[in-house]
Amino acid sequence: MLQVATFLVPAEQDKANEFLKAHKPVGNINFNKDTIVVFYEDDPAADIVELLESVGNAKFQQGIALHMLKRDIAGLNPVHNKGKYEELDNAIRATQEAMDDQDAKADYLKGLIEEKRAAK
């Protein structure tokens, strides 16, 4: 969950530095007069969740590519366009395999997230 921490500077500068050693800020560190404002994630699995989101985005993009490949191959006659048909067919298979790999990555990351959160 997103949290906020504030420190008065220069009085709490050492405290702020120690905090920043242990917590990864989300976005920029903000300054307001003599106060530092740090937004941070207290979820121990936050970095893994972010990676899981990128895996989902990659699979989404591959799904779009797969749709386009299937659209392209649907209009071809495999007899008259054998080379192009085989090229597209191979690309479809490779894209489907890549999407399966994304599913395997996602499953692995979900397990890591559960482990991290359980250890908290």
PDB file of N, CA and C in Angstrom:
ATOM      1  N   MET A   1       0.842  -1.167   0.000  1.00  0.00           N
ATOM      2  CA  MET A   1       0.000   0.000   0.000  1.00  0.00           C
ATOM      3  C   MET A   1       0.890   1.233   0.000  1.00  0.00           C
ATOM      4  N   LEU A   2       0.477   2.236  -0.745  1.00  0.00           N
ATOM      5  CA  LEU A   2       1.247   3.465  -0.833  1.00  0.00           C
ATOM      6  C   LEU A   2       1.207   4.194   0.506  1.00  0.00           C
ATOM      7  N   GLN A   3       2.372   4.601   0.975  1.00  0.00           N
ATOM      8  CA  GLN A   3       2.512   5.301   2.249  1.00  0.00           C
ATOM      9  C   GLN A   3       3.231   6.616   2.019  1.00  0.00           C
ATOM     10  N   VAL A   4       3.226   7.482   3.046  1.00  0.00           N
ATOM     11  CA  VAL A   4       3.941   8.742   2.969  1.00  0.00           C
ATOM     12  C   VAL A   4       4.780   8.905   4.237  1.00  0.00           C
ATOM     13  N   ALA A   5       5.955   9.469   4.064  1.00  0.00           N
ATOM     14  CA  ALA A   5       6.828   9.784   5.194  1.00  0.00           C
ATOM     15  C   ALA A   5       7.328  11.208   4.995  1.00  0.00           C
ATOM     16  N   THR A   6       7.421  11.957   6.093  1.00  0.00           N
ATOM     17  CA  THR A   6       7.923  13.327   6.004  1.00  0.00           C
ATOM     18  C   THR A   6       9.052  13.516   7.010  1.00  0.00           C
ATOM     19  N   PHE A   7       9.995  14.368   6.633  1.00  0.00           N
ATOM     20  CA  PHE A   7      11.148  14.648   7.482  1.00  0.00           C
ATOM     21  C   PHE A   7      11.455  16.138   7.421  1.00  0.00           C
ATOM     22  N   LEU A   8      11.746  16.710   8.571  1.00  0.00           N
ATOM     23  CA  LEU A   8      12.167  18.107   8.626  1.00  0.00           C
ATOM     24  C   LEU A   8      13.656  18.184   8.359  1.00  0.00           C
ATOM     25  N   VAL A   9      14.023  19.091   7.495  1.00  0.00           N
ATOM     26  CA  VAL A   9      15.436  19.246   7.139  1.00  0.00           C
ATOM     27  C   VAL A   9      15.880  20.640   7.570  1.00  0.00           C
ATOM     28  N   PRO A  10      16.991  20.762   8.187  1.00  0.00           N
ATOM     29  CA  PRO A  10      18.078  19.803   8.356  1.00  0.00           C
ATOM     30  C   PRO A  10      17.980  18.961   9.626  1.00  0.00           C
ATOM     31  N   ALA A  11      17.018  19.239  10.514  1.00  0.00           N
ATOM     32  CA  ALA A  11      16.960  18.556  11.808  1.00  0.00           C
ATOM     33  C   ALA A  11      16.883  17.038  11.692  1.00  0.00           C
ATOM     34  N   GLU A  12      16.118  16.507  10.718  1.00  0.00           N
ATOM     35  CA  GLU A  12      15.937  15.058  10.582  1.00  0.00           C
ATOM     36  C   GLU A  12      16.639  14.492   9.346  1.00  0.00           C
ATOM     37  N   GLN A  13      17.666  15.148   8.921  1.00  0.00           N
ATOM     38  CA  GLN A  13      18.379  14.719   7.714  1.00  0.00           C
ATOM     39  C   GLN A  13      18.936  13.309   7.861  1.00  0.00           C
ATOM     40  N   ASP A  14      19.574  13.002   8.984  1.00  0.00           N
ATOM     41  CA  ASP A  14      20.125  11.650   9.188  1.00  0.00           C
ATOM     42  C   ASP A  14      19.012  10.608   9.198  1.00  0.00           C
ATOM     43  N   LYS A  15      17.905  10.936   9.852  1.00  0.00           N
ATOM     44  CA  LYS A  15      16.753  10.029   9.892  1.00  0.00           C
ATOM     45  C   LYS A  15      16.211   9.792   8.471  1.00  0.00           C
ATOM     46  N   ALA A  16      16.138  10.856   7.683  1.00  0.00           N
ATOM     47  CA  ALA A  16      15.658  10.740   6.305  1.00  0.00           C
ATOM     48  C   ALA A  16      16.595   9.860   5.479  1.00  0.00           C
ATOM     49  N   ASN A  17      17.899  10.040   5.651  1.00  0.00           N
ATOM     50  CA  ASN A  17      18.862   9.228   4.905  1.00  0.00           C
ATOM     51  C   ASN A  17      18.747   7.753   5.277  1.00  0.00           C
ATOM     52  N   GLU A  18      18.569   7.450   6.546  1.00  0.00           N
ATOM     53  CA  GLU A  18      18.405   6.059   6.982  1.00  0.00           C
ATOM     54  C   GLU A  18      17.113   5.466   6.405  1.00  0.00           C
ATOM     55  N   PHE A  19      16.062   6.263   6.406  1.00  0.00           N
ATOM     56  CA  PHE A  19      14.794   5.815   5.842  1.00  0.00           C
ATOM     57  C   PHE A  19      14.949   5.485   4.364  1.00  0.00           C
ATOM     58  N   LEU A  20      15.626   6.356   3.626  1.00  0.00           N
ATOM     59  CA  LEU A  20      15.799   6.144   2.190  1.00  0.00           C
ATOM     60  C   LEU A  20      16.692   4.957   1.871  1.00  0.00           C
ATOM     61  N   LYS A  21      17.556   4.560   2.794  1.00  0.00           N
ATOM     62  CA  LYS A  21      18.360   3.349   2.593  1.00  0.00           C
ATOM     63  C   LYS A  21      17.484   2.104   2.626  1.00  0.00           C
ATOM     64  N   ALA A  22      16.389   2.162   3.391  1.00  0.00           N
ATOM     65  CA  ALA A  22      15.547   0.990   3.601  1.00  0.00           C
ATOM     66  C   ALA A  22      14.266   0.981   2.766  1.00  0.00           C
ATOM     67  N   HIS A  23      13.900   2.115   2.168  1.00  0.00           N
ATOM     68  CA  HIS A  23      12.642   2.201   1.432  1.00  0.00           C
ATOM     69  C   HIS A  23      12.868   2.813   0.056  1.00  0.00           C
ATOM     70  N   LYS A  24      12.230   2.214  -0.921  1.00  0.00           N
ATOM     71  CA  LYS A  24      12.322   2.715  -2.288  1.00  0.00           C
ATOM     72  C   LYS A  24      11.191   3.716  -2.531  1.00  0.00           C
ATOM     73  N   PRO A  25      11.543   4.971  -2.816  1.00  0.00           N
ATOM     74  CA  PRO A  25      10.497   5.958  -3.098  1.00  0.00           C
ATOM     75  C   PRO A  25       9.721   5.612  -4.368  1.00  0.00           C
ATOM     76  N   VAL A  26       8.450   5.954  -4.357  1.00  0.00           N
ATOM     77  CA  VAL A  26       7.611   5.828  -5.537  1.00  0.00           C
ATOM     78  C   VAL A  26       7.562   7.214  -6.172  1.00  0.00           C
ATOM     79  N   GLY A  27       8.073   7.343  -7.354  1.00  0.00           N
ATOM     80  CA  GLY A  27       8.118   8.650  -8.004  1.00  0.00           C
ATOM     81  C   GLY A  27       9.244   9.496  -7.435  1.00  0.00           C
ATOM     82  N   ASN A  28       9.055  10.777  -7.477  1.00  0.00           N
ATOM     83  CA  ASN A  28      10.086  11.708  -7.027  1.00  0.00           C
ATOM     84  C   ASN A  28       9.985  11.979  -5.534  1.00  0.00           C
ATOM     85  N   ILE A  29      11.086  12.390  -4.944  1.00  0.00           N
ATOM     86  CA  ILE A  29      11.083  12.879  -3.575  1.00  0.00           C
ATOM     87  C   ILE A  29      10.686  14.350  -3.663  1.00  0.00           C
ATOM     88  N   ASN A  30       9.703  14.725  -2.864  1.00  0.00           N
ATOM     89  CA  ASN A  30       9.161  16.078  -2.940  1.00  0.00           C
ATOM     90  C   ASN A  30       9.698  16.938  -1.799  1.00  0.00           C
ATOM     91  N   PHE A  31       9.838  18.205  -2.069  1.00  0.00           N
ATOM     92  CA  PHE A  31      10.331  19.150  -1.081  1.00  0.00           C
ATOM     93  C   PHE A  31       9.304  20.261  -0.915  1.00  0.00           C
ATOM     94  N   ASN A  32       9.058  20.639   0.324  1.00  0.00           N
ATOM     95  CA  ASN A  32       8.151  21.739   0.631  1.00  0.00           C
ATOM     96  C   ASN A  32       8.774  22.540   1.770  1.00  0.00           C
ATOM     97  N   LYS A  33       9.361  23.662   1.445  1.00  0.00           N
ATOM     98  CA  LYS A  33      10.095  24.508   2.401  1.00  0.00           C
ATOM     99  C   LYS A  33      11.169  23.681   3.095  1.00  0.00           C
ATOM    100  N   ASP A  34      10.998  23.402   4.393  1.00  0.00           N
ATOM    101  CA  ASP A  34      12.002  22.658   5.154  1.00  0.00           C
ATOM    102  C   ASP A  34      11.592  21.198   5.382  1.00  0.00           C
ATOM    103  N   THR A  35      10.690  20.691   4.552  1.00  0.00           N
ATOM    104  CA  THR A  35      10.176  19.330   4.722  1.00  0.00           C
ATOM    105  C   THR A  35      10.417  18.502   3.464  1.00  0.00           C
ATOM    106  N   ILE A  36      10.870  17.277   3.680  1.00  0.00           N
ATOM    107  CA  ILE A  36      10.986  16.295   2.588  1.00  0.00           C
ATOM    108  C   ILE A  36       9.776  15.383   2.694  1.00  0.00           C
ATOM    109  N   VAL A  37       9.101  15.161   1.574  1.00  0.00           N
ATOM    110  CA  VAL A  37       7.946  14.268   1.531  1.00  0.00           C
ATOM    111  C   VAL A  37       8.301  13.107   0.606  1.00  0.00           C
ATOM    112  N   VAL A  38       8.216  11.887   1.147  1.00  0.00           N
ATOM    113  CA  VAL A  38       8.569  10.685   0.397  1.00  0.00           C
ATOM    114  C   VAL A  38       7.358   9.762   0.339  1.00  0.00           C
ATOM    115  N   PHE A  39       6.933   9.431  -0.859  1.00  0.00           N
ATOM    116  CA  PHE A  39       5.909   8.410  -1.029  1.00  0.00           C
ATOM    117  C   PHE A  39       6.637   7.098  -1.280  1.00  0.00           C
ATOM    118  N   TYR A  40       6.207   6.055  -0.584  1.00  0.00           N
ATOM    119  CA  TYR A  40       6.872   4.765  -0.727  1.00  0.00           C
ATOM    120  C   TYR A  40       5.858   3.646  -0.610  1.00  0.00           C
ATOM    121  N   GLU A  41       6.252   2.503  -1.089  1.00  0.00           N
ATOM    122  CA  GLU A  41       5.407   1.315  -1.080  1.00  0.00           C
ATOM    123  C   GLU A  41       5.838   0.432   0.081  1.00  0.00           C
ATOM    124  N   ASP A  42       4.896   0.062   0.949  1.00  0.00           N
ATOM    125  CA  ASP A  42       5.268  -0.787   2.076  1.00  0.00           C
ATOM    126  C   ASP A  42       5.042  -2.273   1.794  1.00  0.00           C
ATOM    127  N   ASP A  43       4.606  -2.600   0.589  1.00  0.00           N
ATOM    128  CA  ASP A  43       4.421  -3.993   0.194  1.00  0.00           C
ATOM    129  C   ASP A  43       5.794  -4.589  -0.125  1.00  0.00           C
ATOM    130  N   PRO A  44       6.213  -5.641   0.588  1.00  0.00           N
ATOM    131  CA  PRO A  44       7.532  -6.226   0.326  1.00  0.00           C
ATOM    132  C   PRO A  44       7.655  -6.826  -1.076  1.00  0.00           C
ATOM    133  N   ALA A  45       6.538  -7.023  -1.727  1.00  0.00           N
ATOM    134  CA  ALA A  45       6.547  -7.617  -3.064  1.00  0.00           C
ATOM    135  C   ALA A  45       6.285  -6.577  -4.150  1.00  0.00           C
ATOM    136  N   ALA A  46       6.394  -5.304  -3.821  1.00  0.00           N
ATOM    137  CA  ALA A  46       6.035  -4.250  -4.776  1.00  0.00           C
ATOM    138  C   ALA A  46       6.825  -4.343  -6.078  1.00  0.00           C
ATOM    139  N   ASP A  47       8.117  -4.612  -5.995  1.00  0.00           N
ATOM    140  CA  ASP A  47       8.924  -4.709  -7.215  1.00  0.00           C
ATOM    141  C   ASP A  47       8.490  -5.896  -8.070  1.00  0.00           C
ATOM    142  N   ILE A  48       8.120  -6.982  -7.415  1.00  0.00           N
ATOM    143  CA  ILE A  48       7.682  -8.171  -8.156  1.00  0.00           C
ATOM    144  C   ILE A  48       6.313  -7.914  -8.782  1.00  0.00           C
ATOM    145  N   VAL A  49       5.445  -7.208  -8.078  1.00  0.00           N
ATOM    146  CA  VAL A  49       4.138  -6.855  -8.630  1.00  0.00           C
ATOM    147  C   VAL A  49       4.321  -6.005  -9.883  1.00  0.00           C
ATOM    148  N   GLU A  50       5.259  -5.081  -9.823  1.00  0.00           N
ATOM    149  CA  GLU A  50       5.552  -4.230 -10.984  1.00  0.00           C
ATOM    150  C   GLU A  50       6.043  -5.079 -12.161  1.00  0.00           C
ATOM    151  N   LEU A  51       6.885  -6.052 -11.870  1.00  0.00           N
ATOM    152  CA  LEU A  51       7.369  -6.953 -12.919  1.00  0.00           C
ATOM    153  C   LEU A  51       6.223  -7.788 -13.489  1.00  0.00           C
ATOM    154  N   LEU A  52       5.328  -8.241 -12.616  1.00  0.00           N
ATOM    155  CA  LEU A  52       4.166  -9.011 -13.064  1.00  0.00           C
ATOM    156  C   LEU A  52       3.299  -8.174 -14.000  1.00  0.00           C
ATOM    157  N   GLU A  53       3.155  -6.904 -13.700  1.00  0.00           N
ATOM    158  CA  GLU A  53       2.390  -6.018 -14.581  1.00  0.00           C
ATOM    159  C   GLU A  53       3.055  -5.905 -15.945  1.00  0.00           C
ATOM    160  N   SER A  54       4.379  -5.844 -15.974  1.00  0.00           N
ATOM    161  CA  SER A  54       5.075  -5.751 -17.264  1.00  0.00           C
ATOM    162  C   SER A  54       4.916  -7.039 -18.060  1.00  0.00           C
ATOM    163  N   VAL A  55       4.869  -8.173 -17.369  1.00  0.00           N
ATOM    164  CA  VAL A  55       4.631  -9.451 -18.049  1.00  0.00           C
ATOM    165  C   VAL A  55       3.231  -9.443 -18.671  1.00  0.00           C
ATOM    166  N   GLY A  56       2.262  -8.919 -17.928  1.00  0.00           N
ATOM    167  CA  GLY A  56       0.899  -8.817 -18.461  1.00  0.00           C
ATOM    168  C   GLY A  56       0.828  -7.904 -19.672  1.00  0.00           C
ATOM    169  N   ASN A  57       1.566  -6.799 -19.618  1.00  0.00           N
ATOM    170  CA  ASN A  57       1.598  -5.880 -20.762  1.00  0.00           C
ATOM    171  C   ASN A  57       2.234  -6.540 -21.978  1.00  0.00           C
ATOM    172  N   ALA A  58       3.303  -7.293 -21.759  1.00  0.00           N
ATOM    173  CA  ALA A  58       3.965  -7.991 -22.867  1.00  0.00           C
ATOM    174  C   ALA A  58       3.014  -9.000 -23.510  1.00  0.00           C
ATOM    175  N   LYS A  59       2.284  -9.739 -22.673  1.00  0.00           N
ATOM    176  CA  LYS A  59       1.353 -10.729 -23.212  1.00  0.00           C
ATOM    177  C   LYS A  59       0.233 -10.043 -23.988  1.00  0.00           C
ATOM    178  N   PHE A  60      -0.223  -8.912 -23.495  1.00  0.00           N
ATOM    179  CA  PHE A  60      -1.259  -8.159 -24.194  1.00  0.00           C
ATOM    180  C   PHE A  60      -0.779  -7.752 -25.589  1.00  0.00           C
ATOM    181  N   GLN A  61       0.441  -7.240 -25.669  1.00  0.00           N
ATOM    182  CA  GLN A  61       1.002  -6.827 -26.958  1.00  0.00           C
ATOM    183  C   GLN A  61       1.181  -8.030 -27.886  1.00  0.00           C
ATOM    184  N   GLN A  62       1.606  -9.155 -27.317  1.00  0.00           N
ATOM    185  CA  GLN A  62       1.751 -10.360 -28.131  1.00  0.00           C
ATOM    186  C   GLN A  62       0.392 -10.833 -28.629  1.00  0.00           C
ATOM    187  N   GLY A  63      -0.643 -10.649 -27.818  1.00  0.00           N
ATOM    188  CA  GLY A  63      -1.999 -11.016 -28.236  1.00  0.00           C
ATOM    189  C   GLY A  63      -2.457 -10.189 -29.431  1.00  0.00           C
ATOM    190  N   ILE A  64      -2.110  -8.917 -29.419  1.00  0.00           N
ATOM    191  CA  ILE A  64      -2.439  -8.058 -30.565  1.00  0.00           C
ATOM    192  C   ILE A  64      -1.686  -8.529 -31.805  1.00  0.00           C
ATOM    193  N   ALA A  65      -0.398  -8.836 -31.623  1.00  0.00           N
ATOM    194  CA  ALA A  65       0.395  -9.326 -32.759  1.00  0.00           C
ATOM    195  C   ALA A  65      -0.190 -10.631 -33.304  1.00  0.00           C
ATOM    196  N   LEU A  66      -0.600 -11.510 -32.406  1.00  0.00           N
ATOM    197  CA  LEU A  66      -1.187 -12.782 -32.824  1.00  0.00           C
ATOM    198  C   LEU A  66      -2.469 -12.544 -33.617  1.00  0.00           C
ATOM    199  N   HIS A  67      -3.290 -11.636 -33.161  1.00  0.00           N
ATOM    200  CA  HIS A  67      -4.525 -11.298 -33.874  1.00  0.00           C
ATOM    201  C   HIS A  67      -4.211 -10.837 -35.303  1.00  0.00           C
ATOM    202  N   MET A  68      -3.218  -9.971 -35.438  1.00  0.00           N
ATOM    203  CA  MET A  68      -2.857  -9.445 -36.758  1.00  0.00           C
ATOM    204  C   MET A  68      -2.287 -10.542 -37.658  1.00  0.00           C
ATOM    205  N   LEU A  69      -1.480 -11.417 -37.080  1.00  0.00           N
ATOM    206  CA  LEU A  69      -0.930 -12.525 -37.864  1.00  0.00           C
ATOM    207  C   LEU A  69      -2.036 -13.438 -38.377  1.00  0.00           C
ATOM    208  N   LYS A  70      -2.992 -13.741 -37.515  1.00  0.00           N
ATOM    209  CA  LYS A  70      -4.108 -14.605 -37.921  1.00  0.00           C
ATOM    210  C   LYS A  70      -4.963 -13.918 -38.987  1.00  0.00           C
ATOM    211  N   ARG A  71      -5.098 -12.622 -38.868  1.00  0.00           N
ATOM    212  CA  ARG A  71      -5.840 -11.846 -39.872  1.00  0.00           C
ATOM    213  C   ARG A  71      -5.122 -11.923 -41.225  1.00  0.00           C
ATOM    214  N   ASP A  72      -3.796 -11.781 -41.188  1.00  0.00           N
ATOM    215  CA  ASP A  72      -3.015 -11.817 -42.426  1.00  0.00           C
ATOM    216  C   ASP A  72      -3.048 -13.197 -43.084  1.00  0.00           C
ATOM    217  N   ILE A  73      -2.975 -14.230 -42.271  1.00  0.00           N
ATOM    218  CA  ILE A  73      -2.920 -15.587 -42.846  1.00  0.00           C
ATOM    219  C   ILE A  73      -4.287 -16.011 -43.381  1.00  0.00           C
ATOM    220  N   ALA A  74      -5.361 -15.454 -42.811  1.00  0.00           N
ATOM    221  CA  ALA A  74      -6.710 -15.839 -43.247  1.00  0.00           C
ATOM    222  C   ALA A  74      -6.963 -15.492 -44.711  1.00  0.00           C
ATOM    223  N   GLY A  75      -6.314 -14.466 -45.206  1.00  0.00           N
ATOM    224  CA  GLY A  75      -6.544 -14.049 -46.591  1.00  0.00           C
ATOM    225  C   GLY A  75      -5.644 -14.714 -47.605  1.00  0.00           C
ATOM    226  N   LEU A  76      -4.792 -15.618 -47.157  1.00  0.00           N
ATOM    227  CA  LEU A  76      -3.847 -16.250 -48.085  1.00  0.00           C
ATOM    228  C   LEU A  76      -4.318 -17.619 -48.540  1.00  0.00           C
ATOM    229  N   ASN A  77      -4.006 -17.926 -49.757  1.00  0.00           N
ATOM    230  CA  ASN A  77      -4.222 -19.267 -50.285  1.00  0.00           C
ATOM    231  C   ASN A  77      -2.911 -20.021 -50.073  1.00  0.00           C
ATOM    232  N   PRO A  78      -2.926 -21.098 -49.253  1.00  0.00           N
ATOM    233  CA  PRO A  78      -1.681 -21.809 -48.961  1.00  0.00           C
ATOM    234  C   PRO A  78      -1.033 -22.465 -50.177  1.00  0.00           C
ATOM    235  N   VAL A  79      -1.783 -22.678 -51.221  1.00  0.00           N
ATOM    236  CA  VAL A  79      -1.226 -23.294 -52.420  1.00  0.00           C
ATOM    237  C   VAL A  79      -0.482 -22.256 -53.259  1.00  0.00           C
ATOM    238  N   HIS A  80      -1.100 -21.090 -53.455  1.00  0.00           N
ATOM    239  CA  HIS A  80      -0.508 -20.064 -54.305  1.00  0.00           C
ATOM    240  C   HIS A  80       0.510 -19.186 -53.583  1.00  0.00           C
ATOM    241  N   ASN A  81       0.443 -19.126 -52.271  1.00  0.00           N
ATOM    242  CA  ASN A  81       1.338 -18.279 -51.467  1.00  0.00           C
ATOM    243  C   ASN A  81       2.030 -19.119 -50.406  1.00  0.00           C
ATOM    244  N   LYS A  82       2.581 -20.247 -50.831  1.00  0.00           N
ATOM    245  CA  LYS A  82       3.132 -21.209 -49.875  1.00  0.00           C
ATOM    246  C   LYS A  82       4.194 -20.586 -48.972  1.00  0.00           C
ATOM    247  N   GLY A  83       5.134 -19.836 -49.514  1.00  0.00           N
ATOM    248  CA  GLY A  83       6.212 -19.256 -48.711  1.00  0.00           C
ATOM    249  C   GLY A  83       5.687 -18.290 -47.664  1.00  0.00           C
ATOM    250  N   LYS A  84       4.823 -17.390 -48.080  1.00  0.00           N
ATOM    251  CA  LYS A  84       4.255 -16.396 -47.154  1.00  0.00           C
ATOM    252  C   LYS A  84       3.378 -17.083 -46.110  1.00  0.00           C
ATOM    253  N   TYR A  85       2.618 -18.085 -46.545  1.00  0.00           N
ATOM    254  CA  TYR A  85       1.750 -18.823 -45.630  1.00  0.00           C
ATOM    255  C   TYR A  85       2.585 -19.516 -44.546  1.00  0.00           C
ATOM    256  N   GLU A  86       3.662 -20.176 -44.943  1.00  0.00           N
ATOM    257  CA  GLU A  86       4.518 -20.861 -43.974  1.00  0.00           C
ATOM    258  C   GLU A  86       5.186 -19.868 -43.023  1.00  0.00           C
ATOM    259  N   GLU A  87       5.580 -18.726 -43.561  1.00  0.00           N
ATOM    260  CA  GLU A  87       6.194 -17.683 -42.725  1.00  0.00           C
ATOM    261  C   GLU A  87       5.219 -17.203 -41.647  1.00  0.00           C
ATOM    262  N   LEU A  88       3.984 -16.933 -42.061  1.00  0.00           N
ATOM    263  CA  LEU A  88       2.982 -16.479 -41.103  1.00  0.00           C
ATOM    264  C   LEU A  88       2.609 -17.579 -40.114  1.00  0.00           C
ATOM    265  N   ASP A  89       2.504 -18.805 -40.613  1.00  0.00           N
ATOM    266  CA  ASP A  89       2.177 -19.936 -39.741  1.00  0.00           C
ATOM    267  C   ASP A  89       3.253 -20.117 -38.663  1.00  0.00           C
ATOM    268  N   ASN A  90       4.514 -20.007 -39.064  1.00  0.00           N
ATOM    269  CA  ASN A  90       5.611 -20.106 -38.092  1.00  0.00           C
ATOM    270  C   ASN A  90       5.582 -18.952 -37.093  1.00  0.00           C
ATOM    271  N   ALA A  91       5.263 -17.759 -37.574  1.00  0.00           N
ATOM    272  CA  ALA A  91       5.177 -16.601 -36.685  1.00  0.00           C
ATOM    273  C   ALA A  91       4.027 -16.768 -35.686  1.00  0.00           C
ATOM    274  N   ILE A  92       2.919 -17.329 -36.128  1.00  0.00           N
ATOM    275  CA  ILE A  92       1.781 -17.585 -35.229  1.00  0.00           C
ATOM    276  C   ILE A  92       2.187 -18.567 -34.144  1.00  0.00           C
ATOM    277  N   ARG A  93       2.844 -19.634 -34.535  1.00  0.00           N
ATOM    278  CA  ARG A  93       3.292 -20.634 -33.546  1.00  0.00           C
ATOM    279  C   ARG A  93       4.276 -20.023 -32.545  1.00  0.00           C
ATOM    280  N   ALA A  94       5.204 -19.227 -33.039  1.00  0.00           N
ATOM    281  CA  ALA A  94       6.203 -18.601 -32.164  1.00  0.00           C
ATOM    282  C   ALA A  94       5.539 -17.608 -31.200  1.00  0.00           C
ATOM    283  N   THR A  95       4.579 -16.874 -31.691  1.00  0.00           N
ATOM    284  CA  THR A  95       3.880 -15.906 -30.841  1.00  0.00           C
ATOM    285  C   THR A  95       3.051 -16.618 -29.781  1.00  0.00           C
ATOM    286  N   GLN A  96       2.390 -17.698 -30.150  1.00  0.00           N
ATOM    287  CA  GLN A  96       1.623 -18.472 -29.174  1.00  0.00           C
ATOM    288  C   GLN A  96       2.548 -19.059 -28.105  1.00  0.00           C
ATOM    289  N   GLU A  97       3.715 -19.526 -28.528  1.00  0.00           N
ATOM    290  CA  GLU A  97       4.693 -20.063 -27.571  1.00  0.00           C
ATOM    291  C   GLU A  97       5.194 -18.958 -26.637  1.00  0.00           C
ATOM    292  N   ALA A  98       5.431 -17.791 -27.189  1.00  0.00           N
ATOM    293  CA  ALA A  98       5.877 -16.656 -26.374  1.00  0.00           C
ATOM    294  C   ALA A  98       4.801 -16.265 -25.359  1.00  0.00           C
ATOM    295  N   MET A  99       3.551 -16.331 -25.747  1.00  0.00           N
ATOM    296  CA  MET A  99       2.455 -16.020 -24.817  1.00  0.00           C
ATOM    297  C   MET A  99       2.372 -17.073 -23.717  1.00  0.00           C
ATOM    298  N   ASP A 100       2.607 -18.329 -24.073  1.00  0.00           N
ATOM    299  CA  ASP A 100       2.651 -19.390 -23.055  1.00  0.00           C
ATOM    300  C   ASP A 100       3.797 -19.149 -22.077  1.00  0.00           C
ATOM    301  N   ASP A 101       4.926 -18.670 -22.593  1.00  0.00           N
ATOM    302  CA  ASP A 101       6.058 -18.341 -21.724  1.00  0.00           C
ATOM    303  C   ASP A 101       5.694 -17.217 -20.754  1.00  0.00           C
ATOM    304  N   GLN A 102       4.929 -16.241 -21.236  1.00  0.00           N
ATOM    305  CA  GLN A 102       4.494 -15.148 -20.360  1.00  0.00           C
ATOM    306  C   GLN A 102       3.604 -15.691 -19.240  1.00  0.00           C
ATOM    307  N   ASP A 103       2.752 -16.658 -19.563  1.00  0.00           N
ATOM    308  CA  ASP A 103       1.909 -17.276 -18.536  1.00  0.00           C
ATOM    309  C   ASP A 103       2.770 -17.976 -17.481  1.00  0.00           C
ATOM    310  N   ALA A 104       3.807 -18.664 -17.927  1.00  0.00           N
ATOM    311  CA  ALA A 104       4.701 -19.359 -16.990  1.00  0.00           C
ATOM    312  C   ALA A 104       5.425 -18.348 -16.106  1.00  0.00           C
ATOM    313  N   LYS A 105       5.879 -17.238 -16.689  1.00  0.00           N
ATOM    314  CA  LYS A 105       6.522 -16.185 -15.904  1.00  0.00           C
ATOM    315  C   LYS A 105       5.556 -15.626 -14.866  1.00  0.00           C
ATOM    316  N   ALA A 106       4.320 -15.371 -15.291  1.00  0.00           N
ATOM    317  CA  ALA A 106       3.316 -14.800 -14.390  1.00  0.00           C
ATOM    318  C   ALA A 106       3.042 -15.742 -13.220  1.00  0.00           C
ATOM    319  N   ASP A 107       2.915 -17.027 -13.499  1.00  0.00           N
ATOM    320  CA  ASP A 107       2.683 -18.000 -12.430  1.00  0.00           C
ATOM    321  C   ASP A 107       3.833 -18.004 -11.434  1.00  0.00           C
ATOM    322  N   TYR A 108       5.045 -17.967 -11.939  1.00  0.00           N
ATOM    323  CA  TYR A 108       6.229 -17.942 -11.076  1.00  0.00           C
ATOM    324  C   TYR A 108       6.245 -16.681 -10.209  1.00  0.00           C
ATOM    325  N   LEU A 109       5.983 -15.540 -10.832  1.00  0.00           N
ATOM    326  CA  LEU A 109       5.986 -14.276 -10.096  1.00  0.00           C
ATOM    327  C   LEU A 109       4.882 -14.232  -9.045  1.00  0.00           C
ATOM    328  N   LYS A 110       3.724 -14.773  -9.356  1.00  0.00           N
ATOM    329  CA  LYS A 110       2.632 -14.823  -8.372  1.00  0.00           C
ATOM    330  C   LYS A 110       3.048 -15.628  -7.145  1.00  0.00           C
ATOM    331  N   GLY A 111       3.770 -16.714  -7.374  1.00  0.00           N
ATOM    332  CA  GLY A 111       4.276 -17.518  -6.249  1.00  0.00           C
ATOM    333  C   GLY A 111       5.278 -16.717  -5.415  1.00  0.00           C
ATOM    334  N   LEU A 112       6.151 -15.980  -6.080  1.00  0.00           N
ATOM    335  CA  LEU A 112       7.120 -15.147  -5.346  1.00  0.00           C
ATOM    336  C   LEU A 112       6.414 -14.069  -4.529  1.00  0.00           C
ATOM    337  N   ILE A 113       5.382 -13.485  -5.089  1.00  0.00           N
ATOM    338  CA  ILE A 113       4.619 -12.455  -4.378  1.00  0.00           C
ATOM    339  C   ILE A 113       4.006 -13.037  -3.111  1.00  0.00           C
ATOM    340  N   GLU A 114       3.401 -14.214  -3.242  1.00  0.00           N
ATOM    341  CA  GLU A 114       2.796 -14.863  -2.067  1.00  0.00           C
ATOM    342  C   GLU A 114       3.855 -15.144  -1.001  1.00  0.00           C
ATOM    343  N   GLU A 115       5.019 -15.617  -1.413  1.00  0.00           N
ATOM    344  CA  GLU A 115       6.106 -15.894  -0.455  1.00  0.00           C
ATOM    345  C   GLU A 115       6.542 -14.637   0.271  1.00  0.00           C
ATOM    346  N   LYS A 116       6.758 -13.557  -0.481  1.00  0.00           N
ATOM    347  CA  LYS A 116       7.218 -12.298   0.114  1.00  0.00           C
ATOM    348  C   LYS A 116       6.195 -11.759   1.104  1.00  0.00           C
ATOM    349  N   ARG A 117       4.938 -11.807   0.715  1.00  0.00           N
ATOM    350  CA  ARG A 117       3.896 -11.272   1.583  1.00  0.00           C
ATOM    351  C   ARG A 117       3.677 -12.143   2.821  1.00  0.00           C
ATOM    352  N   ALA A 118       3.853 -13.435   2.663  1.00  0.00           N
ATOM    353  CA  ALA A 118       3.701 -14.345   3.808  1.00  0.00           C
ATOM    354  C   ALA A 118       4.844 -14.154   4.811  1.00  0.00           C
ATOM    355  N   ALA A 119       6.012 -13.795   4.308  1.00  0.00           N
ATOM    356  CA  ALA A 119       7.192 -13.605   5.181  1.00  0.00           C
ATOM    357  C   ALA A 119       7.128 -12.279   5.929  1.00  0.00           C
ATOM    358  N   LYS A 120       6.266 -11.395   5.503  1.00  0.00           N
ATOM    359  CA  LYS A 120       6.166 -10.055   6.106  1.00  0.00           C
ATOM    360  C   LYS A 120       5.644 -10.158   7.476  1.00  0.00           C
TER     361      LYS A 120
END
